[in-house]
Amino acid sequence: MKLAAKLLKIFIIGSVFLIVVIFVLFGFGDKPINELKQKYAQAPSVFIAVDGMDVHYRDEGNMADSLPIVLIHGTGSSLHTFDGWAAALKVNKRVIRMDIPAFGLTGPFNNRQYSIAHYVDFIHSFLLAVGIKKCILAGNSLGGQIAWNFTAHFPDMVQKLVLIDAAGYPLQSKSVPIAFKMARTPVLKNIMTFVTPRFLVKASVENVYADKTIVTDELVNRYFDLTLRKGNRQALVDRLNLAEDSSAVALIKNITQPTLILWGQQDLLIPLTIANRFHNDLPNDTLVIFKNMGHVPMEENPQESLVPLVEFLKK
């Protein structure tokens, strides 16, 4: 009996010690928004009030372009994921991109509701706020799911659609970033809102790249820093714990806009089988597969992934 009590005491003390060590090493508070803005919101970044939020966005390039391209990033990312594309496209096109709520510098929705319908309404409000009546709409992953849902609900506002490793069909992931797994795990999902190791962020970024050797410290630091924006960690948990609803996929067959589907063949999060589903269901599309890219081709290899987009824009 005494031995059992002694072992229990040792276990409790050891557990408390381990928890303290974890908090000391990996417990990070929110980074001040002004500090993040100074680093990640230099010109041409601006902010605009939309639905009670201060939305971070960039509006660059040819302002005389009557049909701008609007770029929507995915889960855990930010408008910076399109830096390479924007640098090339803005020479001739007007290019608009924003940090969607829950991510980047925009921060969470005020009501913590992260349904696709809410995101569609947000994009509608944002486009009206910046004076866009019609555009070419492009999105990656979650951003792609928002883009095709927006097109289905506001067809008059979208001339062309670009889907980059887009979400929407029931997931058949071969590998999921560890941060996504933790955000869906009881207890761990609560801990990760204030314990966020940088190596966890690095592993999650590497998971969506085909070539992990090009994941730089600068890239990881950006993802890590913006994760620590106030409210973003809880927002990630809120978003990833929504019940999956694929009922809207019935709308895809009704999307008649010319659509370009871009997909990394090495995408383990949303595999190539999903690209083929989009290709089969969309009535007016072109599918381009990048053999040596993963889930974020526009970030992993902006030069190569941009080639089919430029051709698509000329048509």
C-alpha atoms as a PDB file:
ATOM      1  CA  MET A   1       0.000   0.000   0.000  1.00  0.00           C
ATOM      2  CA  LYS A   2       2.808   2.350   0.962  1.00  0.00           C
ATOM      3  CA  LEU A   3       4.653   1.466  -2.253  1.00  0.00           C
ATOM      4  CA  ALA A   4       1.580   2.225  -4.363  1.00  0.00           C
ATOM      5  CA  ALA A   5       1.122   5.576  -2.637  1.00  0.00           C
ATOM      6  CA  LYS A   6       4.787   6.383  -3.128  1.00  0.00           C
ATOM      7  CA  LEU A   7       4.630   5.466  -6.842  1.00  0.00           C
ATOM      8  CA  LEU A   8       1.500   7.584  -7.275  1.00  0.00           C
ATOM      9  CA  LYS A   9       3.230  10.528  -5.625  1.00  0.00           C
ATOM     10  CA  ILE A  10       6.254  10.134  -7.908  1.00  0.00           C
ATOM     11  CA  PHE A  11       3.958   9.937 -10.941  1.00  0.00           C
ATOM     12  CA  ILE A  12       2.077  13.099  -9.955  1.00  0.00           C
ATOM     13  CA  ILE A  13       5.281  15.023  -9.252  1.00  0.00           C
ATOM     14  CA  GLY A  14       6.784  13.806 -12.541  1.00  0.00           C
ATOM     15  CA  SER A  15       3.671  14.771 -14.481  1.00  0.00           C
ATOM     16  CA  VAL A  16       3.589  18.245 -12.957  1.00  0.00           C
ATOM     17  CA  PHE A  17       7.295  18.682 -13.694  1.00  0.00           C
ATOM     18  CA  LEU A  18       6.783  17.588 -17.301  1.00  0.00           C
ATOM     19  CA  ILE A  19       3.876  20.000 -17.746  1.00  0.00           C
ATOM     20  CA  VAL A  20       5.952  22.861 -16.308  1.00  0.00           C
ATOM     21  CA  VAL A  21       8.845  22.034 -18.660  1.00  0.00           C
ATOM     22  CA  ILE A  22       6.493  21.948 -21.670  1.00  0.00           C
ATOM     23  CA  PHE A  23       4.996  25.314 -20.727  1.00  0.00           C
ATOM     24  CA  VAL A  24       8.422  26.868 -20.171  1.00  0.00           C
ATOM     25  CA  LEU A  25       9.835  25.570 -23.459  1.00  0.00           C
ATOM     26  CA  PHE A  26       6.817  25.768 -25.747  1.00  0.00           C
ATOM     27  CA  GLY A  27       4.238  28.022 -24.126  1.00  0.00           C
ATOM     28  CA  PHE A  28       3.981  31.143 -26.263  1.00  0.00           C
ATOM     29  CA  GLY A  29       1.742  34.102 -25.602  1.00  0.00           C
ATOM     30  CA  ASP A  30       0.029  36.022 -28.395  1.00  0.00           C
ATOM     31  CA  LYS A  31       2.340  38.292 -30.350  1.00  0.00           C
ATOM     32  CA  PRO A  32       1.373  41.996 -30.264  1.00  0.00           C
ATOM     33  CA  ILE A  33      -0.561  42.917 -33.393  1.00  0.00           C
ATOM     34  CA  ASN A  34       1.539  46.051 -33.931  1.00  0.00           C
ATOM     35  CA  GLU A  35       4.718  43.976 -33.906  1.00  0.00           C
ATOM     36  CA  LEU A  36       3.236  41.594 -36.478  1.00  0.00           C
ATOM     37  CA  LYS A  37       2.002  44.458 -38.644  1.00  0.00           C
ATOM     38  CA  GLN A  38       5.458  46.007 -38.645  1.00  0.00           C
ATOM     39  CA  LYS A  39       6.900  42.751 -39.970  1.00  0.00           C
ATOM     40  CA  TYR A  40       4.150  41.433 -42.253  1.00  0.00           C
ATOM     41  CA  ALA A  41       2.007  44.417 -43.232  1.00  0.00           C
ATOM     42  CA  GLN A  42       4.451  46.744 -44.894  1.00  0.00           C
ATOM     43  CA  ALA A  43       3.291  48.496 -48.092  1.00  0.00           C
ATOM     44  CA  PRO A  44       1.350  47.604 -50.159  1.00  0.00           C
ATOM     45  CA  SER A  45      -0.589  46.114 -47.224  1.00  0.00           C
ATOM     46  CA  VAL A  46      -3.653  48.041 -46.078  1.00  0.00           C
ATOM     47  CA  PHE A  47      -6.575  47.326 -43.755  1.00  0.00           C
ATOM     48  CA  ILE A  48     -10.291  47.747 -44.306  1.00  0.00           C
ATOM     49  CA  ALA A  49     -13.287  47.378 -42.005  1.00  0.00           C
ATOM     50  CA  VAL A  50     -15.499  44.435 -43.036  1.00  0.00           C
ATOM     51  CA  ASP A  51     -18.200  42.952 -40.810  1.00  0.00           C
ATOM     52  CA  GLY A  52     -16.613  44.400 -37.689  1.00  0.00           C
ATOM     53  CA  MET A  53     -13.115  43.122 -38.520  1.00  0.00           C
ATOM     54  CA  ASP A  54      -9.979  44.970 -39.555  1.00  0.00           C
ATOM     55  CA  VAL A  55      -9.145  42.950 -42.670  1.00  0.00           C
ATOM     56  CA  HIS A  56      -5.577  42.811 -43.932  1.00  0.00           C
ATOM     57  CA  TYR A  57      -5.321  42.876 -47.731  1.00  0.00           C
ATOM     58  CA  ARG A  58      -3.190  43.910 -50.683  1.00  0.00           C
ATOM     59  CA  ASP A  59      -4.469  45.522 -53.875  1.00  0.00           C
ATOM     60  CA  GLU A  60      -1.663  45.755 -56.439  1.00  0.00           C
ATOM     61  CA  GLY A  61      -0.886  46.119 -60.110  1.00  0.00           C
ATOM     62  CA  ASN A  62      -2.809  47.628 -62.985  1.00  0.00           C
ATOM     63  CA  MET A  63      -5.632  49.606 -61.371  1.00  0.00           C
ATOM     64  CA  ALA A  64      -7.187  50.159 -64.809  1.00  0.00           C
ATOM     65  CA  ASP A  65      -7.797  46.404 -65.056  1.00  0.00           C
ATOM     66  CA  SER A  66     -11.591  46.007 -64.985  1.00  0.00           C
ATOM     67  CA  LEU A  67     -11.388  42.290 -64.191  1.00  0.00           C
ATOM     68  CA  PRO A  68      -9.000  41.822 -61.257  1.00  0.00           C
ATOM     69  CA  ILE A  69      -7.851  38.440 -60.007  1.00  0.00           C
ATOM     70  CA  VAL A  70      -8.767  37.755 -56.380  1.00  0.00           C
ATOM     71  CA  LEU A  71      -6.666  35.181 -54.489  1.00  0.00           C
ATOM     72  CA  ILE A  72      -7.891  33.278 -51.400  1.00  0.00           C
ATOM     73  CA  HIS A  73      -5.445  31.294 -49.257  1.00  0.00           C
ATOM     74  CA  GLY A  74      -6.057  28.114 -47.278  1.00  0.00           C
ATOM     75  CA  THR A  75      -6.180  26.938 -43.658  1.00  0.00           C
ATOM     76  CA  GLY A  76      -3.341  28.156 -41.442  1.00  0.00           C
ATOM     77  CA  SER A  77      -1.931  30.333 -44.196  1.00  0.00           C
ATOM     78  CA  SER A  78      -2.086  34.015 -45.183  1.00  0.00           C
ATOM     79  CA  LEU A  79      -2.087  36.256 -48.246  1.00  0.00           C
ATOM     80  CA  HIS A  80       1.705  35.872 -48.353  1.00  0.00           C
ATOM     81  CA  THR A  81       1.337  32.388 -49.811  1.00  0.00           C
ATOM     82  CA  PHE A  82       0.639  34.131 -53.137  1.00  0.00           C
ATOM     83  CA  ASP A  83       3.698  36.437 -53.035  1.00  0.00           C
ATOM     84  CA  GLY A  84       5.342  34.776 -56.040  1.00  0.00           C
ATOM     85  CA  TRP A  85       2.208  34.845 -58.151  1.00  0.00           C
ATOM     86  CA  ALA A  86       1.357  38.413 -57.228  1.00  0.00           C
ATOM     87  CA  ALA A  87       4.832  39.691 -58.110  1.00  0.00           C
ATOM     88  CA  ALA A  88       4.458  38.350 -61.657  1.00  0.00           C
ATOM     89  CA  LEU A  89       0.761  38.973 -62.222  1.00  0.00           C
ATOM     90  CA  LYS A  90       0.720  42.592 -61.065  1.00  0.00           C
ATOM     91  CA  VAL A  91       2.821  43.638 -64.060  1.00  0.00           C
ATOM     92  CA  ASN A  92      -0.332  43.484 -66.188  1.00  0.00           C
ATOM     93  CA  LYS A  93      -3.207  42.530 -63.882  1.00  0.00           C
ATOM     94  CA  ARG A  94      -4.841  44.017 -60.829  1.00  0.00           C
ATOM     95  CA  VAL A  95      -4.239  41.489 -58.045  1.00  0.00           C
ATOM     96  CA  ILE A  96      -6.203  41.451 -54.797  1.00  0.00           C
ATOM     97  CA  ARG A  97      -5.590  39.106 -51.869  1.00  0.00           C
ATOM     98  CA  MET A  98      -6.622  39.126 -48.234  1.00  0.00           C
ATOM     99  CA  ASP A  99      -6.062  37.311 -44.959  1.00  0.00           C
ATOM    100  CA  ILE A 100      -9.365  35.514 -44.497  1.00  0.00           C
ATOM    101  CA  PRO A 101     -10.804  35.486 -40.957  1.00  0.00           C
ATOM    102  CA  ALA A 102      -9.105  33.079 -38.511  1.00  0.00           C
ATOM    103  CA  PHE A 103      -5.720  33.486 -40.184  1.00  0.00           C
ATOM    104  CA  GLY A 104      -2.983  35.992 -40.877  1.00  0.00           C
ATOM    105  CA  LEU A 105      -3.357  39.506 -39.509  1.00  0.00           C
ATOM    106  CA  THR A 106      -7.141  39.694 -39.897  1.00  0.00           C
ATOM    107  CA  GLY A 107      -7.799  37.482 -36.891  1.00  0.00           C
ATOM    108  CA  PRO A 108     -10.943  35.558 -35.956  1.00  0.00           C
ATOM    109  CA  PHE A 109     -14.578  36.074 -36.850  1.00  0.00           C
ATOM    110  CA  ASN A 110     -16.216  37.962 -33.997  1.00  0.00           C
ATOM    111  CA  ASN A 111     -18.839  35.237 -33.549  1.00  0.00           C
ATOM    112  CA  ARG A 112     -16.354  32.328 -33.989  1.00  0.00           C
ATOM    113  CA  GLN A 113     -18.501  30.810 -36.737  1.00  0.00           C
ATOM    114  CA  TYR A 114     -16.365  29.287 -39.477  1.00  0.00           C
ATOM    115  CA  SER A 115     -18.851  27.663 -41.835  1.00  0.00           C
ATOM    116  CA  ILE A 116     -18.242  27.901 -45.584  1.00  0.00           C
ATOM    117  CA  ALA A 117     -21.469  29.904 -45.869  1.00  0.00           C
ATOM    118  CA  HIS A 118     -20.041  32.478 -43.460  1.00  0.00           C
ATOM    119  CA  TYR A 119     -16.816  32.683 -45.462  1.00  0.00           C
ATOM    120  CA  VAL A 120     -18.804  33.130 -48.687  1.00  0.00           C
ATOM    121  CA  ASP A 121     -20.693  36.014 -47.099  1.00  0.00           C
ATOM    122  CA  PHE A 122     -17.393  37.495 -45.934  1.00  0.00           C
ATOM    123  CA  ILE A 123     -15.888  37.392 -49.461  1.00  0.00           C
ATOM    124  CA  HIS A 124     -19.041  39.046 -50.791  1.00  0.00           C
ATOM    125  CA  SER A 125     -18.816  41.824 -48.190  1.00  0.00           C
ATOM    126  CA  PHE A 126     -15.087  42.251 -48.794  1.00  0.00           C
ATOM    127  CA  LEU A 127     -15.441  42.550 -52.580  1.00  0.00           C
ATOM    128  CA  LEU A 128     -18.199  45.123 -52.196  1.00  0.00           C
ATOM    129  CA  ALA A 129     -16.073  47.042 -49.680  1.00  0.00           C
ATOM    130  CA  VAL A 130     -13.158  47.308 -52.145  1.00  0.00           C
ATOM    131  CA  GLY A 131     -15.473  48.116 -55.056  1.00  0.00           C
ATOM    132  CA  ILE A 132     -15.216  44.873 -57.036  1.00  0.00           C
ATOM    133  CA  LYS A 133     -18.320  43.924 -59.037  1.00  0.00           C
ATOM    134  CA  LYS A 134     -16.761  41.148 -61.117  1.00  0.00           C
ATOM    135  CA  CYS A 135     -13.491  39.242 -60.891  1.00  0.00           C
ATOM    136  CA  ILE A 136     -11.448  36.170 -61.654  1.00  0.00           C
ATOM    137  CA  LEU A 137     -11.582  34.186 -58.427  1.00  0.00           C
ATOM    138  CA  ALA A 138      -8.825  31.803 -57.330  1.00  0.00           C
ATOM    139  CA  GLY A 139      -8.419  29.796 -54.151  1.00  0.00           C
ATOM    140  CA  ASN A 140      -6.162  27.173 -52.600  1.00  0.00           C
ATOM    141  CA  SER A 141      -7.416  24.388 -50.300  1.00  0.00           C
ATOM    142  CA  LEU A 142     -10.019  25.969 -47.979  1.00  0.00           C
ATOM    143  CA  GLY A 143      -9.727  29.067 -50.170  1.00  0.00           C
ATOM    144  CA  GLY A 144     -10.651  26.946 -53.177  1.00  0.00           C
ATOM    145  CA  GLN A 145     -13.696  25.599 -51.371  1.00  0.00           C
ATOM    146  CA  ILE A 146     -14.757  29.144 -50.556  1.00  0.00           C
ATOM    147  CA  ALA A 147     -14.117  30.199 -54.177  1.00  0.00           C
ATOM    148  CA  TRP A 148     -16.304  27.546 -55.833  1.00  0.00           C
ATOM    149  CA  ASN A 149     -19.063  28.005 -53.267  1.00  0.00           C
ATOM    150  CA  PHE A 150     -18.935  31.768 -53.842  1.00  0.00           C
ATOM    151  CA  THR A 151     -19.131  31.211 -57.608  1.00  0.00           C
ATOM    152  CA  ALA A 152     -22.161  28.956 -57.168  1.00  0.00           C
ATOM    153  CA  HIS A 153     -23.963  31.553 -55.041  1.00  0.00           C
ATOM    154  CA  PHE A 154     -22.826  34.754 -56.782  1.00  0.00           C
ATOM    155  CA  PRO A 155     -22.248  33.673 -60.407  1.00  0.00           C
ATOM    156  CA  ASP A 156     -22.621  37.197 -61.777  1.00  0.00           C
ATOM    157  CA  MET A 157     -19.550  38.302 -59.813  1.00  0.00           C
ATOM    158  CA  VAL A 158     -17.163  35.651 -61.176  1.00  0.00           C
ATOM    159  CA  GLN A 159     -15.917  35.641 -64.782  1.00  0.00           C
ATOM    160  CA  LYS A 160     -13.452  32.770 -64.365  1.00  0.00           C
ATOM    161  CA  LEU A 161     -12.586  30.362 -61.556  1.00  0.00           C
ATOM    162  CA  VAL A 162      -9.232  28.884 -60.517  1.00  0.00           C
ATOM    163  CA  LEU A 163      -9.089  25.966 -58.069  1.00  0.00           C
ATOM    164  CA  ILE A 164      -5.706  25.063 -56.550  1.00  0.00           C
ATOM    165  CA  ASP A 165      -5.786  21.764 -54.621  1.00  0.00           C
ATOM    166  CA  ALA A 166      -9.255  22.811 -53.516  1.00  0.00           C
ATOM    167  CA  ALA A 167     -11.302  21.322 -50.691  1.00  0.00           C
ATOM    168  CA  GLY A 168     -14.999  20.471 -50.716  1.00  0.00           C
ATOM    169  CA  TYR A 169     -15.429  16.787 -51.467  1.00  0.00           C
ATOM    170  CA  PRO A 170     -15.221  14.267 -48.580  1.00  0.00           C
ATOM    171  CA  LEU A 171     -11.583  14.146 -47.529  1.00  0.00           C
ATOM    172  CA  GLN A 172      -9.465  11.120 -48.411  1.00  0.00           C
ATOM    173  CA  SER A 173      -6.183  12.367 -46.948  1.00  0.00           C
ATOM    174  CA  LYS A 174      -3.091  10.174 -47.105  1.00  0.00           C
ATOM    175  CA  SER A 175      -1.294  12.417 -44.621  1.00  0.00           C
ATOM    176  CA  VAL A 176      -2.488  15.315 -42.458  1.00  0.00           C
ATOM    177  CA  PRO A 177      -0.295  18.063 -40.914  1.00  0.00           C
ATOM    178  CA  ILE A 178       0.341  17.307 -37.252  1.00  0.00           C
ATOM    179  CA  ALA A 179      -1.069  20.682 -36.192  1.00  0.00           C
ATOM    180  CA  PHE A 180      -4.375  19.768 -37.866  1.00  0.00           C
ATOM    181  CA  LYS A 181      -4.439  16.426 -36.026  1.00  0.00           C
ATOM    182  CA  MET A 182      -3.771  18.071 -32.670  1.00  0.00           C
ATOM    183  CA  ALA A 183      -6.435  20.706 -33.308  1.00  0.00           C
ATOM    184  CA  ARG A 184      -9.006  17.892 -33.574  1.00  0.00           C
ATOM    185  CA  THR A 185      -7.804  15.864 -30.558  1.00  0.00           C
ATOM    186  CA  PRO A 186      -9.575  16.261 -27.194  1.00  0.00           C
ATOM    187  CA  VAL A 187      -7.416  17.926 -24.505  1.00  0.00           C
ATOM    188  CA  LEU A 188      -4.577  18.546 -26.979  1.00  0.00           C
ATOM    189  CA  LYS A 189      -6.729  20.993 -28.931  1.00  0.00           C
ATOM    190  CA  ASN A 190      -7.118  23.090 -25.771  1.00  0.00           C
ATOM    191  CA  ILE A 191      -3.431  22.918 -24.921  1.00  0.00           C
ATOM    192  CA  MET A 192      -2.320  23.976 -28.402  1.00  0.00           C
ATOM    193  CA  THR A 193      -4.109  27.324 -28.061  1.00  0.00           C
ATOM    194  CA  PHE A 194      -1.230  28.420 -25.830  1.00  0.00           C
ATOM    195  CA  VAL A 195       1.445  25.721 -26.257  1.00  0.00           C
ATOM    196  CA  THR A 196       2.682  25.971 -29.838  1.00  0.00           C
ATOM    197  CA  PRO A 197       6.154  24.599 -30.548  1.00  0.00           C
ATOM    198  CA  ARG A 198       7.835  26.048 -33.601  1.00  0.00           C
ATOM    199  CA  PHE A 199       8.866  22.538 -34.686  1.00  0.00           C
ATOM    200  CA  LEU A 200       5.166  21.647 -34.828  1.00  0.00           C
ATOM    201  CA  VAL A 201       4.588  24.476 -37.301  1.00  0.00           C
ATOM    202  CA  LYS A 202       7.641  23.465 -39.320  1.00  0.00           C
ATOM    203  CA  ALA A 203       6.505  19.843 -39.551  1.00  0.00           C
ATOM    204  CA  SER A 204       3.051  20.967 -40.658  1.00  0.00           C
ATOM    205  CA  VAL A 205       4.446  23.186 -43.428  1.00  0.00           C
ATOM    206  CA  GLU A 206       6.779  20.425 -44.612  1.00  0.00           C
ATOM    207  CA  ASN A 207       3.821  18.050 -44.740  1.00  0.00           C
ATOM    208  CA  VAL A 208       2.179  20.045 -47.552  1.00  0.00           C
ATOM    209  CA  TYR A 209       5.356  20.418 -49.642  1.00  0.00           C
ATOM    210  CA  ALA A 210       6.637  17.774 -52.038  1.00  0.00           C
ATOM    211  CA  ASP A 211      10.193  19.109 -51.737  1.00  0.00           C
ATOM    212  CA  LYS A 212      10.761  19.617 -48.022  1.00  0.00           C
ATOM    213  CA  THR A 213      14.291  20.926 -48.586  1.00  0.00           C
ATOM    214  CA  ILE A 214      12.929  24.261 -49.815  1.00  0.00           C
ATOM    215  CA  VAL A 215      11.015  24.945 -46.593  1.00  0.00           C
ATOM    216  CA  THR A 216      13.174  27.794 -45.287  1.00  0.00           C
ATOM    217  CA  ASP A 217      13.488  29.225 -41.784  1.00  0.00           C
ATOM    218  CA  GLU A 218      11.999  32.464 -43.081  1.00  0.00           C
ATOM    219  CA  LEU A 219       8.928  30.628 -44.366  1.00  0.00           C
ATOM    220  CA  VAL A 220       8.462  28.703 -41.113  1.00  0.00           C
ATOM    221  CA  ASN A 221       8.932  31.883 -39.064  1.00  0.00           C
ATOM    222  CA  ARG A 222       6.160  33.594 -41.023  1.00  0.00           C
ATOM    223  CA  TYR A 223       3.714  30.759 -40.457  1.00  0.00           C
ATOM    224  CA  PHE A 224       4.749  30.537 -36.797  1.00  0.00           C
ATOM    225  CA  ASP A 225       4.505  34.280 -36.120  1.00  0.00           C
ATOM    226  CA  LEU A 226       1.080  34.644 -37.730  1.00  0.00           C
ATOM    227  CA  THR A 227      -0.190  31.603 -35.820  1.00  0.00           C
ATOM    228  CA  LEU A 228       0.519  33.614 -32.669  1.00  0.00           C
ATOM    229  CA  ARG A 229      -1.699  36.505 -33.737  1.00  0.00           C
ATOM    230  CA  LYS A 230      -4.308  36.956 -31.002  1.00  0.00           C
ATOM    231  CA  GLY A 231      -7.251  34.597 -31.525  1.00  0.00           C
ATOM    232  CA  ASN A 232      -5.758  32.611 -34.417  1.00  0.00           C
ATOM    233  CA  ARG A 233      -4.941  29.465 -32.467  1.00  0.00           C
ATOM    234  CA  GLN A 234      -8.432  29.190 -31.031  1.00  0.00           C
ATOM    235  CA  ALA A 235      -9.870  29.999 -34.457  1.00  0.00           C
ATOM    236  CA  LEU A 236      -7.896  27.133 -36.022  1.00  0.00           C
ATOM    237  CA  VAL A 237      -9.319  24.759 -33.419  1.00  0.00           C
ATOM    238  CA  ASP A 238     -12.838  26.113 -33.981  1.00  0.00           C
ATOM    239  CA  ARG A 239     -12.558  25.762 -37.756  1.00  0.00           C
ATOM    240  CA  LEU A 240     -11.089  22.251 -37.755  1.00  0.00           C
ATOM    241  CA  ASN A 241     -13.672  20.929 -35.312  1.00  0.00           C
ATOM    242  CA  LEU A 242     -16.648  21.788 -37.487  1.00  0.00           C
ATOM    243  CA  ALA A 243     -18.614  18.778 -38.683  1.00  0.00           C
ATOM    244  CA  GLU A 244     -17.712  18.012 -42.290  1.00  0.00           C
ATOM    245  CA  ASP A 245     -20.544  18.903 -44.671  1.00  0.00           C
ATOM    246  CA  SER A 246     -20.094  17.920 -48.308  1.00  0.00           C
ATOM    247  CA  SER A 247     -23.683  18.499 -49.380  1.00  0.00           C
ATOM    248  CA  ALA A 248     -22.718  21.612 -51.359  1.00  0.00           C
ATOM    249  CA  VAL A 249     -20.757  19.524 -53.901  1.00  0.00           C
ATOM    250  CA  ALA A 250     -24.046  19.108 -55.776  1.00  0.00           C
ATOM    251  CA  LEU A 251     -23.622  22.756 -56.805  1.00  0.00           C
ATOM    252  CA  ILE A 252     -20.344  22.126 -58.643  1.00  0.00           C
ATOM    253  CA  LYS A 253     -22.057  20.719 -61.742  1.00  0.00           C
ATOM    254  CA  ASN A 254     -23.930  24.023 -62.068  1.00  0.00           C
ATOM    255  CA  ILE A 255     -20.778  26.147 -62.271  1.00  0.00           C
ATOM    256  CA  THR A 256     -20.465  27.125 -65.941  1.00  0.00           C
ATOM    257  CA  GLN A 257     -17.622  29.630 -65.674  1.00  0.00           C
ATOM    258  CA  PRO A 258     -14.377  28.598 -67.381  1.00  0.00           C
ATOM    259  CA  THR A 259     -12.434  26.883 -64.603  1.00  0.00           C
ATOM    260  CA  LEU A 260      -8.745  26.057 -64.286  1.00  0.00           C
ATOM    261  CA  ILE A 261      -7.909  23.216 -61.889  1.00  0.00           C
ATOM    262  CA  LEU A 262      -4.297  23.195 -60.697  1.00  0.00           C
ATOM    263  CA  TRP A 263      -3.084  20.269 -58.588  1.00  0.00           C
ATOM    264  CA  GLY A 264       0.138  18.980 -57.066  1.00  0.00           C
ATOM    265  CA  GLN A 265       0.473  15.283 -57.798  1.00  0.00           C
ATOM    266  CA  GLN A 266       2.289  14.844 -54.470  1.00  0.00           C
ATOM    267  CA  ASP A 267      -0.559  16.399 -52.475  1.00  0.00           C
ATOM    268  CA  LEU A 268      -1.173  14.056 -49.528  1.00  0.00           C
ATOM    269  CA  LEU A 269      -3.736  16.246 -47.781  1.00  0.00           C
ATOM    270  CA  ILE A 270      -6.189  16.495 -50.703  1.00  0.00           C
ATOM    271  CA  PRO A 271      -5.005  13.810 -53.140  1.00  0.00           C
ATOM    272  CA  LEU A 272      -5.234  13.792 -56.902  1.00  0.00           C
ATOM    273  CA  THR A 273      -8.430  11.722 -56.813  1.00  0.00           C
ATOM    274  CA  ILE A 274     -10.232  14.879 -55.684  1.00  0.00           C
ATOM    275  CA  ALA A 275      -8.831  16.820 -58.644  1.00  0.00           C
ATOM    276  CA  ASN A 276     -10.363  14.207 -60.911  1.00  0.00           C
ATOM    277  CA  ARG A 277     -13.717  14.596 -59.173  1.00  0.00           C
ATOM    278  CA  PHE A 278     -13.682  18.327 -59.872  1.00  0.00           C
ATOM    279  CA  HIS A 279     -12.633  17.598 -63.447  1.00  0.00           C
ATOM    280  CA  ASN A 280     -15.506  15.150 -63.935  1.00  0.00           C
ATOM    281  CA  ASP A 281     -18.162  17.351 -62.316  1.00  0.00           C
ATOM    282  CA  LEU A 282     -17.284  20.786 -63.689  1.00  0.00           C
ATOM    283  CA  PRO A 283     -18.788  21.285 -67.163  1.00  0.00           C
ATOM    284  CA  ASN A 284     -16.201  23.791 -68.436  1.00  0.00           C
ATOM    285  CA  ASP A 285     -12.765  23.103 -66.980  1.00  0.00           C
ATOM    286  CA  THR A 286      -9.108  22.423 -67.691  1.00  0.00           C
ATOM    287  CA  LEU A 287      -7.037  20.214 -65.357  1.00  0.00           C
ATOM    288  CA  VAL A 288      -3.279  20.737 -64.982  1.00  0.00           C
ATOM    289  CA  ILE A 289      -1.226  18.417 -62.761  1.00  0.00           C
ATOM    290  CA  PHE A 290       2.215  19.325 -61.412  1.00  0.00           C
ATOM    291  CA  LYS A 291       4.231  16.134 -60.956  1.00  0.00           C
ATOM    292  CA  ASN A 292       6.716  17.383 -58.371  1.00  0.00           C
ATOM    293  CA  MET A 293       4.555  19.640 -56.204  1.00  0.00           C
ATOM    294  CA  GLY A 294       2.399  19.183 -53.142  1.00  0.00           C
ATOM    295  CA  HIS A 295      -0.628  20.923 -51.653  1.00  0.00           C
ATOM    296  CA  VAL A 296       0.489  24.534 -52.199  1.00  0.00           C
ATOM    297  CA  PRO A 297       1.996  24.682 -55.726  1.00  0.00           C
ATOM    298  CA  MET A 298       1.661  28.471 -55.962  1.00  0.00           C
ATOM    299  CA  GLU A 299       3.963  28.752 -52.920  1.00  0.00           C
ATOM    300  CA  GLU A 300       6.222  25.760 -53.506  1.00  0.00           C
ATOM    301  CA  ASN A 301       6.996  26.642 -57.126  1.00  0.00           C
ATOM    302  CA  PRO A 302       5.347  29.929 -58.165  1.00  0.00           C
ATOM    303  CA  GLN A 303       7.176  30.151 -61.491  1.00  0.00           C
ATOM    304  CA  GLU A 304       6.098  26.766 -62.856  1.00  0.00           C
ATOM    305  CA  SER A 305       2.606  26.808 -61.364  1.00  0.00           C
ATOM    306  CA  LEU A 306       1.961  30.263 -62.824  1.00  0.00           C
ATOM    307  CA  VAL A 307       2.490  29.186 -66.453  1.00  0.00           C
ATOM    308  CA  PRO A 308      -0.929  27.530 -67.009  1.00  0.00           C
ATOM    309  CA  LEU A 309      -2.650  30.357 -65.138  1.00  0.00           C
ATOM    310  CA  VAL A 310      -1.168  32.992 -67.442  1.00  0.00           C
ATOM    311  CA  GLU A 311      -2.362  31.010 -70.462  1.00  0.00           C
ATOM    312  CA  PHE A 312      -5.807  30.637 -68.898  1.00  0.00           C
ATOM    313  CA  LEU A 313      -6.054  34.390 -68.327  1.00  0.00           C
ATOM    314  CA  LYS A 314      -5.336  35.083 -72.010  1.00  0.00           C
ATOM    315  CA  LYS A 315      -8.369  33.108 -73.218  1.00  0.00           C
END
